[in-house]
Amino acid sequence: MNYNYKTSGVCSRGISFDVEDGIIKNVRFDGGCNGNTKGISALVEGMKVEDVIARCKGIKCGYKQTSCPDQLAKALEKALEH
Protein backbone atom coordinates (compact mmCIF):
# COMPACT_ATOMS: atom_id res chain seq x y z
CA MET A 1 0.00 0.00 0.00
CA ASN A 2 1.25 3.50 -0.82
CA TYR A 3 1.44 6.18 1.85
CA ASN A 4 2.11 9.92 1.72
CA TYR A 5 3.09 11.89 4.80
CA LYS A 6 3.39 15.66 5.19
CA THR A 7 6.45 16.37 7.30
CA SER A 8 6.86 19.16 9.83
CA GLY A 9 9.87 20.76 11.48
CA VAL A 10 12.32 19.63 8.78
CA CYS A 11 13.56 20.79 5.39
CA SER A 12 11.73 18.06 3.47
CA ARG A 13 8.08 18.72 2.67
CA GLY A 14 6.84 15.16 2.56
CA ILE A 15 7.61 11.46 2.37
CA SER A 16 6.03 8.81 0.20
CA PHE A 17 6.60 5.08 0.59
CA ASP A 18 5.05 1.66 0.10
CA VAL A 19 4.54 -1.03 2.70
CA GLU A 20 4.14 -4.62 1.47
CA ASP A 21 3.78 -7.43 4.01
CA GLY A 22 5.34 -5.24 6.71
CA ILE A 23 8.36 -4.35 4.55
CA ILE A 24 9.14 -0.75 3.52
CA LYS A 25 9.80 -0.01 -0.16
CA ASN A 26 10.15 2.94 -2.54
CA VAL A 27 10.88 5.65 0.04
CA ARG A 28 10.96 9.11 -1.53
CA PHE A 29 11.49 12.41 0.27
CA ASP A 30 10.14 15.62 -1.27
CA GLY A 31 12.92 18.14 -0.65
CA GLY A 32 15.40 18.03 2.18
CA CYS A 33 19.14 17.37 2.01
CA ASN A 34 19.40 15.39 -1.21
CA GLY A 35 22.26 13.08 -0.26
CA ASN A 36 20.97 12.40 3.23
CA THR A 37 17.41 11.63 2.15
CA LYS A 38 18.65 9.36 -0.65
CA GLY A 39 20.88 7.63 1.88
CA ILE A 40 18.04 7.11 4.34
CA SER A 41 15.85 5.76 1.55
CA ALA A 42 18.51 3.28 0.40
CA LEU A 43 19.29 2.12 3.93
CA VAL A 44 15.68 1.39 4.95
CA GLU A 45 14.66 -0.28 1.67
CA GLY A 46 13.60 -3.86 2.41
CA MET A 47 13.56 -3.43 6.20
CA LYS A 48 10.66 -4.28 8.48
CA VAL A 49 8.55 -1.24 9.36
CA GLU A 50 9.02 -1.83 13.09
CA ASP A 51 12.81 -2.01 12.74
CA VAL A 52 12.96 1.31 10.89
CA ILE A 53 10.80 2.95 13.57
CA ALA A 54 13.05 1.59 16.33
CA ARG A 55 16.23 2.87 14.63
CA CYS A 56 14.99 6.26 13.42
CA LYS A 57 12.55 7.48 16.06
CA GLY A 58 13.86 10.35 18.17
CA ILE A 59 16.82 11.33 15.96
CA LYS A 60 17.29 15.10 15.97
CA CYS A 61 18.80 17.36 13.30
CA GLY A 62 20.99 20.00 14.88
CA TYR A 63 18.90 22.30 17.05
CA LYS A 64 15.61 20.94 15.65
CA GLN A 65 13.48 18.63 17.76
CA THR A 66 13.04 16.23 14.84
CA SER A 67 14.83 15.09 11.65
CA CYS A 68 13.99 13.44 8.35
CA PRO A 69 14.64 9.96 9.84
CA ASP A 70 12.41 10.84 12.82
CA GLN A 71 9.70 12.08 10.45
CA LEU A 72 9.96 8.80 8.54
CA ALA A 73 9.46 6.92 11.82
CA LYS A 74 6.37 9.04 12.55
CA ALA A 75 5.04 8.38 9.03
CA LEU A 76 5.53 4.65 9.50
CA GLU A 77 3.75 4.74 12.85
CA LYS A 78 0.78 6.42 11.13
CA ALA A 79 0.87 3.75 8.41
CA LEU A 80 0.66 1.02 11.06
CA GLU A 81 -2.53 2.61 12.41
CA HIS A 82 -4.32 1.92 9.10
PDB file of N, CA and C in Angstrom:
ATOM      1  N   MET A   1       0.845  -1.174   0.000  1.00  0.00           N
ATOM      2  CA  MET A   1       0.000   0.000   0.000  1.00  0.00           C
ATOM      3  C   MET A   1       0.894   1.241   0.000  1.00  0.00           C
ATOM      4  N   ASN A   2       0.484   2.257  -0.726  1.00  0.00           N
ATOM      5  CA  ASN A   2       1.250   3.497  -0.824  1.00  0.00           C
ATOM      6  C   ASN A   2       0.773   4.494   0.220  1.00  0.00           C
ATOM      7  N   TYR A   3       1.736   5.172   0.834  1.00  0.00           N
ATOM      8  CA  TYR A   3       1.441   6.176   1.851  1.00  0.00           C
ATOM      9  C   TYR A   3       2.141   7.478   1.494  1.00  0.00           C
ATOM     10  N   ASN A   4       1.519   8.592   1.858  1.00  0.00           N
ATOM     11  CA  ASN A   4       2.109   9.923   1.719  1.00  0.00           C
ATOM     12  C   ASN A   4       1.981  10.619   3.061  1.00  0.00           C
ATOM     13  N   TYR A   5       3.059  11.243   3.489  1.00  0.00           N
ATOM     14  CA  TYR A   5       3.091  11.890   4.804  1.00  0.00           C
ATOM     15  C   TYR A   5       3.640  13.299   4.649  1.00  0.00           C
ATOM     16  N   LYS A   6       2.931  14.269   5.192  1.00  0.00           N
ATOM     17  CA  LYS A   6       3.386  15.662   5.185  1.00  0.00           C
ATOM     18  C   LYS A   6       4.251  15.869   6.426  1.00  0.00           C
ATOM     19  N   THR A   7       5.507  16.196   6.202  1.00  0.00           N
ATOM     20  CA  THR A   7       6.451  16.374   7.301  1.00  0.00           C
ATOM     21  C   THR A   7       6.279  17.738   7.962  1.00  0.00           C
ATOM     22  N   SER A   8       6.834  17.870   9.156  1.00  0.00           N
ATOM     23  CA  SER A   8       6.857  19.164   9.833  1.00  0.00           C
ATOM     24  C   SER A   8       8.140  19.278  10.639  1.00  0.00           C
ATOM     25  N   GLY A   9       8.670  20.498  10.693  1.00  0.00           N
ATOM     26  CA  GLY A   9       9.869  20.761  11.479  1.00  0.00           C
ATOM     27  C   GLY A   9      11.172  20.381  10.806  1.00  0.00           C
ATOM     28  N   VAL A  10      11.111  20.011   9.525  1.00  0.00           N
ATOM     29  CA  VAL A  10      12.321  19.626   8.783  1.00  0.00           C
ATOM     30  C   VAL A  10      12.328  20.300   7.416  1.00  0.00           C
ATOM     31  N   CYS A  11      13.431  20.172   6.713  1.00  0.00           N
ATOM     32  CA  CYS A  11      13.557  20.785   5.388  1.00  0.00           C
ATOM     33  C   CYS A  11      12.702  20.086   4.332  1.00  0.00           C
ATOM     34  N   SER A  12      12.560  18.773   4.448  1.00  0.00           N
ATOM     35  CA  SER A  12      11.733  18.065   3.465  1.00  0.00           C
ATOM     36  C   SER A  12      10.261  18.408   3.694  1.00  0.00           C
ATOM     37  N   ARG A  13       9.494  18.354   2.605  1.00  0.00           N
ATOM     38  CA  ARG A  13       8.076  18.724   2.665  1.00  0.00           C
ATOM     39  C   ARG A  13       7.158  17.518   2.832  1.00  0.00           C
ATOM     40  N   GLY A  14       7.665  16.354   2.474  1.00  0.00           N
ATOM     41  CA  GLY A  14       6.837  15.163   2.559  1.00  0.00           C
ATOM     42  C   GLY A  14       7.628  13.905   2.289  1.00  0.00           C
ATOM     43  N   ILE A  15       6.998  12.773   2.597  1.00  0.00           N
ATOM     44  CA  ILE A  15       7.611  11.465   2.375  1.00  0.00           C
ATOM     45  C   ILE A  15       6.546  10.560   1.770  1.00  0.00           C
ATOM     46  N   SER A  16       6.913   9.831   0.737  1.00  0.00           N
ATOM     47  CA  SER A  16       6.027   8.807   0.201  1.00  0.00           C
ATOM     48  C   SER A  16       6.763   7.470   0.270  1.00  0.00           C
ATOM     49  N   PHE A  17       5.999   6.406   0.483  1.00  0.00           N
ATOM     50  CA  PHE A  17       6.595   5.077   0.587  1.00  0.00           C
ATOM     51  C   PHE A  17       5.514   4.025   0.426  1.00  0.00           C
ATOM     52  N   ASP A  18       5.949   2.802   0.173  1.00  0.00           N
ATOM     53  CA  ASP A  18       5.054   1.662   0.097  1.00  0.00           C
ATOM     54  C   ASP A  18       5.372   0.724   1.250  1.00  0.00           C
ATOM     55  N   VAL A  19       4.359   0.026   1.720  1.00  0.00           N
ATOM     56  CA  VAL A  19       4.542  -1.035   2.697  1.00  0.00           C
ATOM     57  C   VAL A  19       3.862  -2.277   2.130  1.00  0.00           C
ATOM     58  N   GLU A  20       4.647  -3.344   1.980  1.00  0.00           N
ATOM     59  CA  GLU A  20       4.136  -4.616   1.475  1.00  0.00           C
ATOM     60  C   GLU A  20       4.527  -5.712   2.442  1.00  0.00           C
ATOM     61  N   ASP A  21       3.543  -6.348   3.042  1.00  0.00           N
ATOM     62  CA  ASP A  21       3.778  -7.426   4.011  1.00  0.00           C
ATOM     63  C   ASP A  21       4.723  -6.993   5.135  1.00  0.00           C
ATOM     64  N   GLY A  22       4.544  -5.751   5.605  1.00  0.00           N
ATOM     65  CA  GLY A  22       5.343  -5.245   6.712  1.00  0.00           C
ATOM     66  C   GLY A  22       6.736  -4.776   6.339  1.00  0.00           C
ATOM     67  N   ILE A  23       7.041  -4.748   5.048  1.00  0.00           N
ATOM     68  CA  ILE A  23       8.364  -4.346   4.548  1.00  0.00           C
ATOM     69  C   ILE A  23       8.232  -2.999   3.839  1.00  0.00           C
ATOM     70  N   ILE A  24       9.173  -2.092   4.126  1.00  0.00           N
ATOM     71  CA  ILE A  24       9.137  -0.754   3.519  1.00  0.00           C
ATOM     72  C   ILE A  24       9.868  -0.757   2.178  1.00  0.00           C
ATOM     73  N   LYS A  25       9.245  -0.082   1.200  1.00  0.00           N
ATOM     74  CA  LYS A  25       9.798  -0.012  -0.157  1.00  0.00           C
ATOM     75  C   LYS A  25       9.549   1.372  -0.742  1.00  0.00           C
ATOM     76  N   ASN A  26      10.352   1.729  -1.727  1.00  0.00           N
ATOM     77  CA  ASN A  26      10.147   2.935  -2.541  1.00  0.00           C
ATOM     78  C   ASN A  26      10.020   4.219  -1.717  1.00  0.00           C
ATOM     79  N   VAL A  27      10.919   4.434  -0.774  1.00  0.00           N
ATOM     80  CA  VAL A  27      10.878   5.647   0.042  1.00  0.00           C
ATOM     81  C   VAL A  27      11.383   6.823  -0.787  1.00  0.00           C
ATOM     82  N   ARG A  28      10.602   7.893  -0.800  1.00  0.00           N
ATOM     83  CA  ARG A  28      10.963   9.109  -1.525  1.00  0.00           C
ATOM     84  C   ARG A  28      10.667  10.308  -0.640  1.00  0.00           C
ATOM     85  N   PHE A  29      11.666  11.163  -0.464  1.00  0.00           N
ATOM     86  CA  PHE A  29      11.491  12.413   0.270  1.00  0.00           C
ATOM     87  C   PHE A  29      11.288  13.527  -0.738  1.00  0.00           C
ATOM     88  N   ASP A  30      10.375  14.434  -0.448  1.00  0.00           N
ATOM     89  CA  ASP A  30      10.145  15.618  -1.267  1.00  0.00           C
ATOM     90  C   ASP A  30      10.925  16.753  -0.617  1.00  0.00           C
ATOM     91  N   GLY A  31      12.058  17.106  -1.208  1.00  0.00           N
ATOM     92  CA  GLY A  31      12.920  18.142  -0.648  1.00  0.00           C
ATOM     93  C   GLY A  31      13.854  17.571   0.400  1.00  0.00           C
ATOM     94  N   GLY A  32      14.442  18.450   1.161  1.00  0.00           N
ATOM     95  CA  GLY A  32      15.401  18.029   2.180  1.00  0.00           C
ATOM     96  C   GLY A  32      16.814  17.970   1.621  1.00  0.00           C
ATOM     97  N   CYS A  33      17.736  17.504   2.418  1.00  0.00           N
ATOM     98  CA  CYS A  33      19.138  17.371   2.011  1.00  0.00           C
ATOM     99  C   CYS A  33      19.263  16.161   1.092  1.00  0.00           C
ATOM    100  N   ASN A  34      19.471  16.402  -0.170  1.00  0.00           N
ATOM    101  CA  ASN A  34      19.398  15.387  -1.208  1.00  0.00           C
ATOM    102  C   ASN A  34      20.188  14.118  -0.884  1.00  0.00           C
ATOM    103  N   GLY A  35      21.442  14.256  -0.544  1.00  0.00           N
ATOM    104  CA  GLY A  35      22.262  13.082  -0.257  1.00  0.00           C
ATOM    105  C   GLY A  35      21.785  12.325   0.964  1.00  0.00           C
ATOM    106  N   ASN A  36      21.429  13.054   2.000  1.00  0.00           N
ATOM    107  CA  ASN A  36      20.969  12.405   3.226  1.00  0.00           C
ATOM    108  C   ASN A  36      19.650  11.660   3.015  1.00  0.00           C
ATOM    109  N   THR A  37      18.709  12.290   2.339  1.00  0.00           N
ATOM    110  CA  THR A  37      17.413  11.634   2.154  1.00  0.00           C
ATOM    111  C   THR A  37      17.537  10.429   1.212  1.00  0.00           C
ATOM    112  N   LYS A  38      18.413  10.522   0.205  1.00  0.00           N
ATOM    113  CA  LYS A  38      18.649   9.362  -0.654  1.00  0.00           C
ATOM    114  C   LYS A  38      19.311   8.245   0.139  1.00  0.00           C
ATOM    115  N   GLY A  39      20.220   8.611   1.034  1.00  0.00           N
ATOM    116  CA  GLY A  39      20.882   7.625   1.877  1.00  0.00           C
ATOM    117  C   GLY A  39      19.913   6.925   2.805  1.00  0.00           C
ATOM    118  N   ILE A  40      19.048   7.694   3.453  1.00  0.00           N
ATOM    119  CA  ILE A  40      18.037   7.112   4.342  1.00  0.00           C
ATOM    120  C   ILE A  40      17.162   6.143   3.544  1.00  0.00           C
ATOM    121  N   SER A  41      16.723   6.590   2.384  1.00  0.00           N
ATOM    122  CA  SER A  41      15.850   5.763   1.549  1.00  0.00           C
ATOM    123  C   SER A  41      16.519   4.441   1.188  1.00  0.00           C
ATOM    124  N   ALA A  42      17.781   4.495   0.788  1.00  0.00           N
ATOM    125  CA  ALA A  42      18.510   3.277   0.401  1.00  0.00           C
ATOM    126  C   ALA A  42      18.720   2.351   1.600  1.00  0.00           C
ATOM    127  N   LEU A  43      19.011   2.926   2.749  1.00  0.00           N
ATOM    128  CA  LEU A  43      19.286   2.115   3.935  1.00  0.00           C
ATOM    129  C   LEU A  43      18.053   1.386   4.466  1.00  0.00           C
ATOM    130  N   VAL A  44      16.880   2.011   4.385  1.00  0.00           N
ATOM    131  CA  VAL A  44      15.680   1.390   4.947  1.00  0.00           C
ATOM    132  C   VAL A  44      14.955   0.479   3.956  1.00  0.00           C
ATOM    133  N   GLU A  45      15.301   0.550   2.693  1.00  0.00           N
ATOM    134  CA  GLU A  45      14.665  -0.284   1.670  1.00  0.00           C
ATOM    135  C   GLU A  45      14.770  -1.763   2.058  1.00  0.00           C
ATOM    136  N   GLY A  46      13.626  -2.435   2.107  1.00  0.00           N
ATOM    137  CA  GLY A  46      13.605  -3.859   2.411  1.00  0.00           C
ATOM    138  C   GLY A  46      13.562  -4.197   3.894  1.00  0.00           C
ATOM    139  N   MET A  47      13.600  -3.184   4.758  1.00  0.00           N
ATOM    140  CA  MET A  47      13.559  -3.429   6.202  1.00  0.00           C
ATOM    141  C   MET A  47      12.121  -3.555   6.692  1.00  0.00           C
ATOM    142  N   LYS A  48      11.963  -4.216   7.829  1.00  0.00           N
ATOM    143  CA  LYS A  48      10.656  -4.284   8.480  1.00  0.00           C
ATOM    144  C   LYS A  48      10.300  -2.904   9.012  1.00  0.00           C
ATOM    145  N   VAL A  49       9.029  -2.536   8.904  1.00  0.00           N
ATOM    146  CA  VAL A  49       8.555  -1.236   9.356  1.00  0.00           C
ATOM    147  C   VAL A  49       8.950  -0.996  10.813  1.00  0.00           C
ATOM    148  N   GLU A  50       8.728  -1.976  11.663  1.00  0.00           N
ATOM    149  CA  GLU A  50       9.020  -1.829  13.092  1.00  0.00           C
ATOM    150  C   GLU A  50      10.500  -1.576  13.357  1.00  0.00           C
ATOM    151  N   ASP A  51      11.367  -2.199  12.564  1.00  0.00           N
ATOM    152  CA  ASP A  51      12.812  -2.010  12.740  1.00  0.00           C
ATOM    153  C   ASP A  51      13.238  -0.596  12.365  1.00  0.00           C
ATOM    154  N   VAL A  52      12.642  -0.056  11.301  1.00  0.00           N
ATOM    155  CA  VAL A  52      12.956   1.314  10.888  1.00  0.00           C
ATOM    156  C   VAL A  52      12.492   2.298  11.961  1.00  0.00           C
ATOM    157  N   ILE A  53      11.306   2.076  12.500  1.00  0.00           N
ATOM    158  CA  ILE A  53      10.802   2.945  13.567  1.00  0.00           C
ATOM    159  C   ILE A  53      11.755   2.919  14.755  1.00  0.00           C
ATOM    160  N   ALA A  54      12.166   1.728  15.166  1.00  0.00           N
ATOM    161  CA  ALA A  54      13.050   1.586  16.326  1.00  0.00           C
ATOM    162  C   ALA A  54      14.389   2.296  16.118  1.00  0.00           C
ATOM    163  N   ARG A  55      14.919   2.259  14.910  1.00  0.00           N
ATOM    164  CA  ARG A  55      16.227   2.866  14.635  1.00  0.00           C
ATOM    165  C   ARG A  55      16.154   4.370  14.410  1.00  0.00           C
ATOM    166  N   CYS A  56      15.057   4.863  13.850  1.00  0.00           N
ATOM    167  CA  CYS A  56      14.995   6.264  13.424  1.00  0.00           C
ATOM    168  C   CYS A  56      14.249   7.194  14.379  1.00  0.00           C
ATOM    169  N   LYS A  57      13.371   6.647  15.182  1.00  0.00           N
ATOM    170  CA  LYS A  57      12.549   7.477  16.063  1.00  0.00           C
ATOM    171  C   LYS A  57      13.416   8.219  17.076  1.00  0.00           C
ATOM    172  N   GLY A  58      13.175   9.526  17.183  1.00  0.00           N
ATOM    173  CA  GLY A  58      13.861  10.350  18.175  1.00  0.00           C
ATOM    174  C   GLY A  58      15.155  10.989  17.708  1.00  0.00           C
ATOM    175  N   ILE A  59      15.594  10.699  16.484  1.00  0.00           N
ATOM    176  CA  ILE A  59      16.818  11.330  15.963  1.00  0.00           C
ATOM    177  C   ILE A  59      16.527  12.807  15.729  1.00  0.00           C
ATOM    178  N   LYS A  60      17.444  13.656  16.146  1.00  0.00           N
ATOM    179  CA  LYS A  60      17.291  15.101  15.966  1.00  0.00           C
ATOM    180  C   LYS A  60      18.278  15.610  14.926  1.00  0.00           C
ATOM    181  N   CYS A  61      17.940  16.712  14.291  1.00  0.00           N
ATOM    182  CA  CYS A  61      18.796  17.355  13.296  1.00  0.00           C
ATOM    183  C   CYS A  61      19.237  18.698  13.863  1.00  0.00           C
ATOM    184  N   GLY A  62      20.479  18.758  14.317  1.00  0.00           N
ATOM    185  CA  GLY A  62      20.994  20.004  14.880  1.00  0.00           C
ATOM    186  C   GLY A  62      20.152  20.474  16.044  1.00  0.00           C
ATOM    187  N   TYR A  63      19.697  21.702  15.980  1.00  0.00           N
ATOM    188  CA  TYR A  63      18.897  22.300  17.047  1.00  0.00           C
ATOM    189  C   TYR A  63      17.420  21.927  16.951  1.00  0.00           C
ATOM    190  N   LYS A  64      17.014  21.300  15.856  1.00  0.00           N
ATOM    191  CA  LYS A  64      15.607  20.944  15.653  1.00  0.00           C
ATOM    192  C   LYS A  64      15.228  19.778  16.568  1.00  0.00           C
ATOM    193  N   GLN A  65      13.972  19.696  16.901  1.00  0.00           N
ATOM    194  CA  GLN A  65      13.483  18.628  17.764  1.00  0.00           C
ATOM    195  C   GLN A  65      13.133  17.351  16.994  1.00  0.00           C
ATOM    196  N   THR A  66      13.344  17.370  15.691  1.00  0.00           N
ATOM    197  CA  THR A  66      13.044  16.226  14.835  1.00  0.00           C
ATOM    198  C   THR A  66      14.073  16.181  13.714  1.00  0.00           C
ATOM    199  N   SER A  67      13.924  15.244  12.801  1.00  0.00           N
ATOM    200  CA  SER A  67      14.826  15.092  11.654  1.00  0.00           C
ATOM    201  C   SER A  67      14.058  14.333  10.577  1.00  0.00           C
ATOM    202  N   CYS A  68      14.645  14.217   9.404  1.00  0.00           N
ATOM    203  CA  CYS A  68      13.986  13.436   8.351  1.00  0.00           C
ATOM    204  C   CYS A  68      13.839  11.963   8.761  1.00  0.00           C
ATOM    205  N   PRO A  69      14.855  11.335   9.383  1.00  0.00           N
ATOM    206  CA  PRO A  69      14.636   9.958   9.844  1.00  0.00           C
ATOM    207  C   PRO A  69      13.523   9.866  10.896  1.00  0.00           C
ATOM    208  N   ASP A  70      13.461  10.831  11.805  1.00  0.00           N
ATOM    209  CA  ASP A  70      12.409  10.842  12.821  1.00  0.00           C
ATOM    210  C   ASP A  70      11.042  11.032  12.166  1.00  0.00           C
ATOM    211  N   GLN A  71      10.955  11.884  11.168  1.00  0.00           N
ATOM    212  CA  GLN A  71       9.699  12.082  10.453  1.00  0.00           C
ATOM    213  C   GLN A  71       9.290  10.810   9.717  1.00  0.00           C
ATOM    214  N   LEU A  72      10.267  10.078   9.176  1.00  0.00           N
ATOM    215  CA  LEU A  72       9.962   8.798   8.539  1.00  0.00           C
ATOM    216  C   LEU A  72       9.390   7.830   9.572  1.00  0.00           C
ATOM    217  N   ALA A  73       9.976   7.784  10.756  1.00  0.00           N
ATOM    218  CA  ALA A  73       9.458   6.916  11.819  1.00  0.00           C
ATOM    219  C   ALA A  73       8.018   7.295  12.162  1.00  0.00           C
ATOM    220  N   LYS A  74       7.740   8.578  12.246  1.00  0.00           N
ATOM    221  CA  LYS A  74       6.366   9.039  12.547  1.00  0.00           C
ATOM    222  C   LYS A  74       5.413   8.642  11.409  1.00  0.00           C
ATOM    223  N   ALA A  75       5.865   8.770  10.183  1.00  0.00           N
ATOM    224  CA  ALA A  75       5.044   8.381   9.032  1.00  0.00           C
ATOM    225  C   ALA A  75       4.739   6.890   9.073  1.00  0.00           C
ATOM    226  N   LEU A  76       5.718   6.094   9.422  1.00  0.00           N
ATOM    227  CA  LEU A  76       5.526   4.646   9.500  1.00  0.00           C
ATOM    228  C   LEU A  76       4.588   4.271  10.639  1.00  0.00           C
ATOM    229  N   GLU A  77       4.685   4.979  11.747  1.00  0.00           N
ATOM    230  CA  GLU A  77       3.746   4.738  12.850  1.00  0.00           C
ATOM    231  C   GLU A  77       2.311   5.003  12.405  1.00  0.00           C
ATOM    232  N   LYS A  78       2.114   6.097  11.650  1.00  0.00           N
ATOM    233  CA  LYS A  78       0.781   6.420  11.126  1.00  0.00           C
ATOM    234  C   LYS A  78       0.305   5.311  10.185  1.00  0.00           C
ATOM    235  N   ALA A  79       1.228   4.816   9.358  1.00  0.00           N
ATOM    236  CA  ALA A  79       0.866   3.754   8.415  1.00  0.00           C
ATOM    237  C   ALA A  79       0.420   2.500   9.153  1.00  0.00           C
ATOM    238  N   LEU A  80       1.038   2.196  10.277  1.00  0.00           N
ATOM    239  CA  LEU A  80       0.657   1.015  11.062  1.00  0.00           C
ATOM    240  C   LEU A  80      -0.734   1.143  11.659  1.00  0.00           C
ATOM    241  N   GLU A  81      -1.192   2.383  11.856  1.00  0.00           N
ATOM    242  CA  GLU A  81      -2.529   2.615  12.414  1.00  0.00           C
ATOM    243  C   GLU A  81      -3.632   2.230  11.428  1.00  0.00           C
ATOM    244  N   HIS A  82      -3.306   2.201  10.136  1.00  0.00           N
ATOM    245  CA  HIS A  82      -4.316   1.922   9.102  1.00  0.00           C
ATOM    246  C   HIS A  82      -4.406   0.461   8.782  1.00  0.00           C
TER     247      HIS A  82
END
